[in-house]
Protein backbone atom coordinates (compact mmCIF):
# COMPACT_ATOMS: atom_id res chain seq x y z
CA MET A 1 0.00 0.00 0.00
CA ARG A 2 1.24 3.47 -0.80
CA CYS A 3 1.29 6.30 1.70
CA LEU A 4 0.33 9.94 1.16
CA GLY A 5 2.22 10.98 4.27
CA ASP A 6 0.52 13.96 5.89
CA LEU A 7 -1.33 15.15 2.77
CA PRO A 8 -4.92 15.97 3.72
CA LEU A 9 -7.52 13.43 2.63
CA ILE A 10 -11.22 13.16 3.37
CA VAL A 11 -13.07 10.10 2.10
CA VAL A 12 -16.84 10.62 1.84
CA THR A 13 -18.68 7.33 1.51
CA ALA A 14 -22.27 6.90 0.35
CA ALA A 15 -23.39 3.90 2.38
CA GLN A 16 -26.90 3.38 1.05
CA ASP A 17 -26.99 0.24 -1.08
CA ALA A 18 -23.22 -0.20 -0.65
CA GLN A 19 -21.94 -3.60 -1.68
CA ALA A 20 -20.63 -5.94 0.99
CA GLY A 21 -17.04 -5.07 1.81
CA TRP A 22 -17.24 -1.51 0.44
CA LEU A 23 -16.91 0.31 3.78
CA PRO A 24 -13.70 -1.51 4.80
CA LEU A 25 -12.20 -0.63 1.41
CA GLN A 26 -13.05 3.02 2.02
CA ASP A 27 -11.41 2.76 5.46
CA GLU A 28 -8.27 1.46 3.72
CA MET A 29 -8.34 4.44 1.37
CA SER A 30 -8.63 6.82 4.29
CA ALA A 31 -5.63 5.13 5.92
CA LEU A 32 -3.42 6.20 3.00
CA SER A 33 -2.82 9.51 4.80
CA ARG A 34 -1.91 10.25 8.39
CA ASN A 35 -4.01 13.42 7.99
CA SER A 36 -7.37 11.99 7.01
CA HIS A 37 -10.99 11.47 7.95
CA HIS A 38 -13.58 9.02 6.72
CA ARG A 39 -17.14 10.34 6.65
CA VAL A 40 -19.85 7.77 6.09
CA LEU A 41 -23.25 9.06 5.02
CA ALA A 42 -25.65 6.26 5.89
CA ASN A 43 -28.56 7.54 3.78
CA ALA A 44 -26.56 8.81 0.81
CA THR A 45 -26.09 7.31 -2.63
CA HIS A 46 -23.28 8.09 -5.05
CA SER A 47 -25.56 10.32 -7.09
CA SER A 48 -26.99 12.08 -4.02
CA LEU A 49 -23.48 13.22 -3.09
CA ILE A 50 -23.77 15.66 -6.00
CA GLU A 51 -27.53 15.90 -6.65
CA ASP A 52 -29.04 16.17 -3.16
CA GLU A 53 -28.57 19.58 -1.54
CA HIS A 54 -27.72 18.21 1.92
CA ASP A 55 -25.37 15.47 0.71
CA ALA A 56 -23.72 17.76 -1.84
CA ARG A 57 -23.10 20.31 0.92
CA ILE A 58 -21.20 17.65 2.87
CA SER A 59 -19.18 16.69 -0.21
CA SER A 60 -18.38 20.32 -0.99
CA GLN A 61 -17.40 21.02 2.61
CA ALA A 62 -14.97 18.09 2.56
CA ILE A 63 -13.34 19.51 -0.58
CA ARG A 64 -13.03 22.97 1.01
CA GLU A 65 -11.48 21.47 4.16
CA VAL A 66 -8.88 19.53 2.18
CA VAL A 67 -7.96 22.60 0.10
CA ALA A 68 -7.69 24.78 3.22
CA SER A 69 -5.50 22.20 4.95
CA ALA A 70 -3.25 21.84 1.91
CA ARG A 71 -2.86 25.62 1.56
CA SER A 72 -2.24 26.31 5.25
CA GLY A 73 -0.18 23.24 6.09
CA LYS A 74 -2.41 22.68 9.12
CA ARG A 75 -3.88 19.28 9.92
CA LEU A 76 -7.53 18.64 9.18
CA ALA A 77 -9.76 19.58 12.09
CA LYS A 78 -11.54 16.74 13.84
CA PRO A 79 -15.09 16.39 12.49
């Protein structure tokens, strides 16, 4: 497995209708960085992460947090 070091990474997982074994794979992806979070949205689908206002807000916020962390050099804040 490769390592991203301390690069910021937030994995947002849509858990609704997720295939068996999907969540552990997403946990593995999150573990690629020592500066990461894994956010599981129990009632979200892949399409709702961009189409549903609430879910899209969470996705967009994760992107903003990663960009801010990368620009500032500060670790991601605990969710």
